[in-house]
Amino acid sequence: MYKVLTVEDKIRVPPVKFRMKVDNAVKSSLEDKWSGIIEKDLGVILSVISVDDIGEGKIIPGDGAIHYPVNFNLLVYRPDLHEIIKGNVIDVTEFGVFIRLGPVDGMIHVSQIMNDFVSYDQKNSVFMGRESKNVIKEGDIVKARIISVSMEGKQYKIGLTTRQPNLGALSWLDKAKKPAAKKKAPEKPKKKGKKRMSIKD
């Protein structure tokens, strides 16, 4: 889920940015520090949206930079447990399917693909259900549920499932929505009318 978070921090503005306006120098320094990192409690930091407040700058002895206390807003992506997501299949391997979820990737383990016996076609890189004939392949769009999240340092693991109702490749869901064709009842044979005979005198 994408979120906007307000954060307090002290930011170091180096001398090379002293020619910039203070607000621009502070925002640039915040972007250098925060953008593109993964924080366990925040998620994936995408960008610094705005700076709300800049306090009085201080110079620390032995450091030529200025340190400012600031309040600012971050755009983050935080995968939440049990969240329903939609993403693209970017890779299919014998142990599972990788899904692109905006700025990060998640994986559907082979055991979590569908409620069916699945077989892996290595030549074509697809999984197929034995009874359902449902197929999942690279390029498919899927709806999945997040069932595990681990974010430590620059490493993260996001586990997904498509085994629950109304989840899976959109092609499966479209197929499930189509009503089964109604079988036509066999037509009853038409009764032959009795021929009336007239006897002429």
C-alpha atoms as a PDB file:
ATOM      1  CA  MET A   1       0.000   0.000   0.000  1.00  0.00           C
ATOM      2  CA  TYR A   2       1.265   3.475  -0.844  1.00  0.00           C
ATOM      3  CA  LYS A   3       1.307   5.888   2.091  1.00  0.00           C
ATOM      4  CA  VAL A   4       2.396   9.431   2.896  1.00  0.00           C
ATOM      5  CA  LEU A   5       4.202   9.627   6.237  1.00  0.00           C
ATOM      6  CA  THR A   6       5.307  12.671   8.235  1.00  0.00           C
ATOM      7  CA  VAL A   7       8.787  12.248   9.700  1.00  0.00           C
ATOM      8  CA  GLU A   8      11.025  14.266  12.041  1.00  0.00           C
ATOM      9  CA  ASP A   9      14.774  14.146  11.505  1.00  0.00           C
ATOM     10  CA  LYS A  10      17.982  16.148  11.693  1.00  0.00           C
ATOM     11  CA  ILE A  11      19.540  16.597   8.287  1.00  0.00           C
ATOM     12  CA  ARG A  12      23.125  17.466   7.450  1.00  0.00           C
ATOM     13  CA  VAL A  13      23.469  20.017   4.618  1.00  0.00           C
ATOM     14  CA  PRO A  14      27.045  19.906   3.250  1.00  0.00           C
ATOM     15  CA  PRO A  15      28.974  23.032   2.180  1.00  0.00           C
ATOM     16  CA  VAL A  16      28.542  22.190  -1.539  1.00  0.00           C
ATOM     17  CA  LYS A  17      24.844  23.074  -1.141  1.00  0.00           C
ATOM     18  CA  PHE A  18      25.306  26.410   0.627  1.00  0.00           C
ATOM     19  CA  ARG A  19      24.696  28.315  -2.624  1.00  0.00           C
ATOM     20  CA  MET A  20      21.186  26.881  -2.823  1.00  0.00           C
ATOM     21  CA  LYS A  21      18.200  28.355  -1.010  1.00  0.00           C
ATOM     22  CA  VAL A  22      17.861  26.796   2.435  1.00  0.00           C
ATOM     23  CA  ASP A  23      14.601  24.954   1.684  1.00  0.00           C
ATOM     24  CA  ASN A  24      15.997  23.562  -1.589  1.00  0.00           C
ATOM     25  CA  ALA A  25      19.281  22.547   0.059  1.00  0.00           C
ATOM     26  CA  VAL A  26      17.424  20.803   2.895  1.00  0.00           C
ATOM     27  CA  LYS A  27      15.061  18.946   0.516  1.00  0.00           C
ATOM     28  CA  SER A  28      17.974  17.873  -1.694  1.00  0.00           C
ATOM     29  CA  SER A  29      19.884  16.572   1.335  1.00  0.00           C
ATOM     30  CA  LEU A  30      16.807  14.700   2.567  1.00  0.00           C
ATOM     31  CA  GLU A  31      16.415  13.040  -0.827  1.00  0.00           C
ATOM     32  CA  ASP A  32      20.081  11.985  -0.763  1.00  0.00           C
ATOM     33  CA  LYS A  33      19.580  10.394   2.646  1.00  0.00           C
ATOM     34  CA  TRP A  34      16.113   8.854   2.353  1.00  0.00           C
ATOM     35  CA  SER A  35      15.112   8.120  -1.259  1.00  0.00           C
ATOM     36  CA  GLY A  36      15.380   4.498  -2.394  1.00  0.00           C
ATOM     37  CA  ILE A  37      16.134   2.921   0.979  1.00  0.00           C
ATOM     38  CA  ILE A  38      14.196   0.244   2.877  1.00  0.00           C
ATOM     39  CA  GLU A  39      13.229   0.944   6.490  1.00  0.00           C
ATOM     40  CA  LYS A  40      11.793  -1.924   8.528  1.00  0.00           C
ATOM     41  CA  ASP A  41       9.175   0.269  10.226  1.00  0.00           C
ATOM     42  CA  LEU A  42       8.364   2.469   7.222  1.00  0.00           C
ATOM     43  CA  GLY A  43       8.707   0.351   4.097  1.00  0.00           C
ATOM     44  CA  VAL A  44      10.327   1.261   0.784  1.00  0.00           C
ATOM     45  CA  ILE A  45      11.057   5.017   0.698  1.00  0.00           C
ATOM     46  CA  LEU A  46      10.152   6.307  -2.757  1.00  0.00           C
ATOM     47  CA  SER A  47      10.634  10.064  -2.469  1.00  0.00           C
ATOM     48  CA  VAL A  48      10.560  13.165  -0.276  1.00  0.00           C
ATOM     49  CA  ILE A  49       7.300  14.905  -1.170  1.00  0.00           C
ATOM     50  CA  SER A  50       7.638  18.128   0.781  1.00  0.00           C
ATOM     51  CA  VAL A  51       9.333  19.814   3.743  1.00  0.00           C
ATOM     52  CA  ASP A  52       6.874  21.268   6.258  1.00  0.00           C
ATOM     53  CA  ASP A  53       9.196  22.888   8.792  1.00  0.00           C
ATOM     54  CA  ILE A  54      12.906  23.723   9.024  1.00  0.00           C
ATOM     55  CA  GLY A  55      14.312  24.613  12.434  1.00  0.00           C
ATOM     56  CA  GLU A  56      17.367  26.675  13.289  1.00  0.00           C
ATOM     57  CA  GLY A  57      20.539  25.302  11.748  1.00  0.00           C
ATOM     58  CA  LYS A  58      23.570  24.472  13.892  1.00  0.00           C
ATOM     59  CA  ILE A  59      27.220  23.987  13.075  1.00  0.00           C
ATOM     60  CA  ILE A  60      28.962  21.182  14.922  1.00  0.00           C
ATOM     61  CA  PRO A  61      32.668  21.818  15.761  1.00  0.00           C
ATOM     62  CA  GLY A  62      34.906  19.956  13.314  1.00  0.00           C
ATOM     63  CA  ASP A  63      32.108  19.621  10.735  1.00  0.00           C
ATOM     64  CA  GLY A  64      31.700  22.319   8.087  1.00  0.00           C
ATOM     65  CA  ALA A  65      28.094  21.332   7.371  1.00  0.00           C
ATOM     66  CA  ILE A  66      24.911  22.847   8.854  1.00  0.00           C
ATOM     67  CA  HIS A  67      22.525  20.532  10.721  1.00  0.00           C
ATOM     68  CA  TYR A  68      18.803  21.393  10.572  1.00  0.00           C
ATOM     69  CA  PRO A  69      15.912  19.827  12.540  1.00  0.00           C
ATOM     70  CA  VAL A  70      13.126  19.227  10.000  1.00  0.00           C
ATOM     71  CA  ASN A  71       9.601  17.892   9.590  1.00  0.00           C
ATOM     72  CA  PHE A  72       8.921  16.432   6.145  1.00  0.00           C
ATOM     73  CA  ASN A  73       6.648  14.080   4.201  1.00  0.00           C
ATOM     74  CA  LEU A  74       7.721  10.809   2.579  1.00  0.00           C
ATOM     75  CA  LEU A  75       5.974   8.727  -0.062  1.00  0.00           C
ATOM     76  CA  VAL A  76       6.482   5.079   0.903  1.00  0.00           C
ATOM     77  CA  TYR A  77       5.317   1.662  -0.204  1.00  0.00           C
ATOM     78  CA  ARG A  78       4.532  -0.623   2.712  1.00  0.00           C
ATOM     79  CA  PRO A  79       3.252  -4.153   1.944  1.00  0.00           C
ATOM     80  CA  ASP A  80       0.714  -5.059   4.646  1.00  0.00           C
ATOM     81  CA  LEU A  81      -0.193  -8.587   5.734  1.00  0.00           C
ATOM     82  CA  HIS A  82      -3.486  -9.846   4.207  1.00  0.00           C
ATOM     83  CA  GLU A  83      -3.553  -6.958   1.717  1.00  0.00           C
ATOM     84  CA  ILE A  84      -4.985  -7.809  -1.730  1.00  0.00           C
ATOM     85  CA  ILE A  85      -2.651  -6.675  -4.500  1.00  0.00           C
ATOM     86  CA  LYS A  86      -2.650  -6.746  -8.294  1.00  0.00           C
ATOM     87  CA  GLY A  87       0.603  -7.222 -10.196  1.00  0.00           C
ATOM     88  CA  ASN A  88       2.336  -8.558 -13.299  1.00  0.00           C
ATOM     89  CA  VAL A  89       4.061 -11.925 -13.561  1.00  0.00           C
ATOM     90  CA  ILE A  90       7.711 -11.124 -14.355  1.00  0.00           C
ATOM     91  CA  ASP A  91       9.265 -14.582 -14.000  1.00  0.00           C
ATOM     92  CA  VAL A  92       8.164 -18.207 -13.688  1.00  0.00           C
ATOM     93  CA  THR A  93      10.518 -20.760 -12.132  1.00  0.00           C
ATOM     94  CA  GLU A  94      10.099 -24.358 -11.034  1.00  0.00           C
ATOM     95  CA  PHE A  95       9.660 -23.265  -7.388  1.00  0.00           C
ATOM     96  CA  GLY A  96       7.252 -20.372  -7.907  1.00  0.00           C
ATOM     97  CA  VAL A  97       6.076 -17.246  -9.678  1.00  0.00           C
ATOM     98  CA  PHE A  98       7.494 -13.740  -9.204  1.00  0.00           C
ATOM     99  CA  ILE A  99       5.081 -10.791  -9.228  1.00  0.00           C
ATOM    100  CA  ARG A 100       5.981  -7.110  -9.702  1.00  0.00           C
ATOM    101  CA  LEU A 101       4.179  -5.003  -7.069  1.00  0.00           C
ATOM    102  CA  GLY A 102       5.056  -1.453  -8.038  1.00  0.00           C
ATOM    103  CA  PRO A 103       8.524  -0.764  -6.560  1.00  0.00           C
ATOM    104  CA  VAL A 104       9.061  -4.285  -5.165  1.00  0.00           C
ATOM    105  CA  ASP A 105       8.579  -7.936  -6.142  1.00  0.00           C
ATOM    106  CA  GLY A 106       6.750 -10.731  -4.351  1.00  0.00           C
ATOM    107  CA  MET A 107       6.702 -14.488  -4.859  1.00  0.00           C
ATOM    108  CA  ILE A 108       3.945 -17.076  -5.058  1.00  0.00           C
ATOM    109  CA  HIS A 109       5.453 -20.411  -3.991  1.00  0.00           C
ATOM    110  CA  VAL A 110       4.389 -23.366  -6.132  1.00  0.00           C
ATOM    111  CA  SER A 111       2.334 -24.667  -3.186  1.00  0.00           C
ATOM    112  CA  GLN A 112       0.330 -21.404  -3.128  1.00  0.00           C
ATOM    113  CA  ILE A 113      -0.538 -21.075  -6.830  1.00  0.00           C
ATOM    114  CA  MET A 114      -3.903 -22.834  -6.984  1.00  0.00           C
ATOM    115  CA  ASN A 115      -6.135 -25.451  -5.345  1.00  0.00           C
ATOM    116  CA  ASP A 116      -5.235 -28.027  -7.935  1.00  0.00           C
ATOM    117  CA  PHE A 117      -2.333 -30.322  -8.766  1.00  0.00           C
ATOM    118  CA  VAL A 118       0.029 -28.102 -10.761  1.00  0.00           C
ATOM    119  CA  SER A 119       2.660 -29.156 -13.242  1.00  0.00           C
ATOM    120  CA  TYR A 120       5.588 -27.037 -14.425  1.00  0.00           C
ATOM    121  CA  ASP A 121       6.345 -26.843 -18.141  1.00  0.00           C
ATOM    122  CA  GLN A 122      10.028 -25.891 -18.163  1.00  0.00           C
ATOM    123  CA  LYS A 123      10.172 -25.426 -21.935  1.00  0.00           C
ATOM    124  CA  ASN A 124       7.404 -22.793 -21.944  1.00  0.00           C
ATOM    125  CA  SER A 125       7.888 -21.572 -18.335  1.00  0.00           C
ATOM    126  CA  VAL A 126       4.262 -22.034 -17.315  1.00  0.00           C
ATOM    127  CA  PHE A 127       2.316 -23.725 -14.527  1.00  0.00           C
ATOM    128  CA  MET A 128      -0.895 -25.565 -15.381  1.00  0.00           C
ATOM    129  CA  GLY A 129      -3.614 -27.030 -13.173  1.00  0.00           C
ATOM    130  CA  ARG A 130      -4.429 -30.673 -13.880  1.00  0.00           C
ATOM    131  CA  GLU A 131      -8.219 -30.426 -13.514  1.00  0.00           C
ATOM    132  CA  SER A 132      -8.895 -26.696 -13.921  1.00  0.00           C
ATOM    133  CA  LYS A 133      -6.518 -26.316 -16.915  1.00  0.00           C
ATOM    134  CA  ASN A 134      -5.723 -22.874 -15.499  1.00  0.00           C
ATOM    135  CA  VAL A 135      -2.365 -21.572 -16.704  1.00  0.00           C
ATOM    136  CA  ILE A 136      -0.081 -18.907 -15.228  1.00  0.00           C
ATOM    137  CA  LYS A 137       2.756 -17.485 -17.311  1.00  0.00           C
ATOM    138  CA  GLU A 138       4.995 -14.456 -17.709  1.00  0.00           C
ATOM    139  CA  GLY A 139       3.012 -11.318 -18.572  1.00  0.00           C
ATOM    140  CA  ASP A 140      -0.189 -12.417 -16.814  1.00  0.00           C
ATOM    141  CA  ILE A 141      -1.889 -10.005 -14.418  1.00  0.00           C
ATOM    142  CA  VAL A 142      -2.821 -11.596 -11.096  1.00  0.00           C
ATOM    143  CA  LYS A 143      -4.722 -10.756  -7.932  1.00  0.00           C
ATOM    144  CA  ALA A 144      -2.994 -12.128  -4.848  1.00  0.00           C
ATOM    145  CA  ARG A 145      -2.988 -11.805  -1.068  1.00  0.00           C
ATOM    146  CA  ILE A 146       0.132 -10.936   0.943  1.00  0.00           C
ATOM    147  CA  ILE A 147       0.764 -13.707   3.477  1.00  0.00           C
ATOM    148  CA  SER A 148       4.281 -12.859   4.714  1.00  0.00           C
ATOM    149  CA  VAL A 149       6.514  -9.780   4.864  1.00  0.00           C
ATOM    150  CA  SER A 150      10.156  -9.562   5.918  1.00  0.00           C
ATOM    151  CA  MET A 151      12.065  -6.299   5.524  1.00  0.00           C
ATOM    152  CA  GLU A 152      15.587  -6.025   6.921  1.00  0.00           C
ATOM    153  CA  GLY A 153      18.154  -3.497   5.675  1.00  0.00           C
ATOM    154  CA  LYS A 154      18.216  -3.603   1.891  1.00  0.00           C
ATOM    155  CA  GLN A 155      16.727  -7.113   1.823  1.00  0.00           C
ATOM    156  CA  TYR A 156      13.041  -7.947   1.707  1.00  0.00           C
ATOM    157  CA  LYS A 157      10.823 -10.975   1.090  1.00  0.00           C
ATOM    158  CA  ILE A 158       7.134 -10.780   0.277  1.00  0.00           C
ATOM    159  CA  GLY A 159       5.149 -14.016   0.158  1.00  0.00           C
ATOM    160  CA  LEU A 160       1.885 -14.195  -1.805  1.00  0.00           C
ATOM    161  CA  THR A 161      -0.962 -16.648  -2.335  1.00  0.00           C
ATOM    162  CA  THR A 162      -3.539 -17.075  -5.102  1.00  0.00           C
ATOM    163  CA  ARG A 163      -5.202 -20.159  -3.608  1.00  0.00           C
ATOM    164  CA  GLN A 164      -8.073 -18.294  -1.963  1.00  0.00           C
ATOM    165  CA  PRO A 165     -11.455 -17.469  -3.578  1.00  0.00           C
ATOM    166  CA  ASN A 166     -11.486 -14.651  -6.153  1.00  0.00           C
ATOM    167  CA  LEU A 167      -7.688 -14.663  -6.446  1.00  0.00           C
ATOM    168  CA  GLY A 168      -5.442 -15.747  -9.296  1.00  0.00           C
ATOM    169  CA  ALA A 169      -4.658 -14.760 -12.856  1.00  0.00           C
ATOM    170  CA  LEU A 170      -7.337 -12.445 -14.257  1.00  0.00           C
ATOM    171  CA  SER A 171      -7.872 -14.918 -17.095  1.00  0.00           C
ATOM    172  CA  TRP A 172      -8.953 -17.535 -14.500  1.00  0.00           C
ATOM    173  CA  LEU A 173     -11.337 -15.109 -12.852  1.00  0.00           C
ATOM    174  CA  ASP A 174     -12.877 -14.086 -16.191  1.00  0.00           C
ATOM    175  CA  LYS A 175     -13.371 -17.750 -17.088  1.00  0.00           C
ATOM    176  CA  ALA A 176     -15.040 -18.437 -13.738  1.00  0.00           C
ATOM    177  CA  LYS A 177     -17.502 -15.560 -14.255  1.00  0.00           C
ATOM    178  CA  LYS A 178     -18.803 -16.900 -17.558  1.00  0.00           C
ATOM    179  CA  PRO A 179     -21.987 -18.918 -16.952  1.00  0.00           C
ATOM    180  CA  ALA A 180     -21.840 -22.507 -18.063  1.00  0.00           C
ATOM    181  CA  ALA A 181     -23.606 -23.063 -21.373  1.00  0.00           C
ATOM    182  CA  LYS A 182     -27.114 -24.414 -20.768  1.00  0.00           C
ATOM    183  CA  LYS A 183     -27.796 -27.738 -22.351  1.00  0.00           C
ATOM    184  CA  LYS A 184     -30.811 -27.693 -24.602  1.00  0.00           C
ATOM    185  CA  ALA A 185     -33.462 -30.191 -23.697  1.00  0.00           C
ATOM    186  CA  PRO A 186     -34.066 -32.704 -26.477  1.00  0.00           C
ATOM    187  CA  GLU A 187     -37.036 -31.776 -28.626  1.00  0.00           C
ATOM    188  CA  LYS A 188     -40.082 -33.940 -28.193  1.00  0.00           C
ATOM    189  CA  PRO A 189     -41.176 -35.668 -31.390  1.00  0.00           C
ATOM    190  CA  LYS A 190     -44.247 -34.109 -32.907  1.00  0.00           C
ATOM    191  CA  LYS A 191     -47.383 -36.183 -32.681  1.00  0.00           C
ATOM    192  CA  LYS A 192     -48.669 -37.188 -36.042  1.00  0.00           C
ATOM    193  CA  GLY A 193     -52.313 -36.257 -36.521  1.00  0.00           C
ATOM    194  CA  LYS A 194     -54.780 -38.940 -37.550  1.00  0.00           C
ATOM    195  CA  LYS A 195     -55.941 -38.727 -41.142  1.00  0.00           C
ATOM    196  CA  ARG A 196     -59.653 -38.518 -41.568  1.00  0.00           C
ATOM    197  CA  MET A 197     -61.122 -40.418 -44.452  1.00  0.00           C
ATOM    198  CA  SER A 198     -64.356 -39.451 -46.063  1.00  0.00           C
ATOM    199  CA  ILE A 199     -66.426 -42.026 -47.839  1.00  0.00           C
ATOM    200  CA  LYS A 200     -68.272 -40.845 -50.841  1.00  0.00           C
ATOM    201  CA  ASP A 201     -71.507 -42.492 -51.864  1.00  0.00           C
END
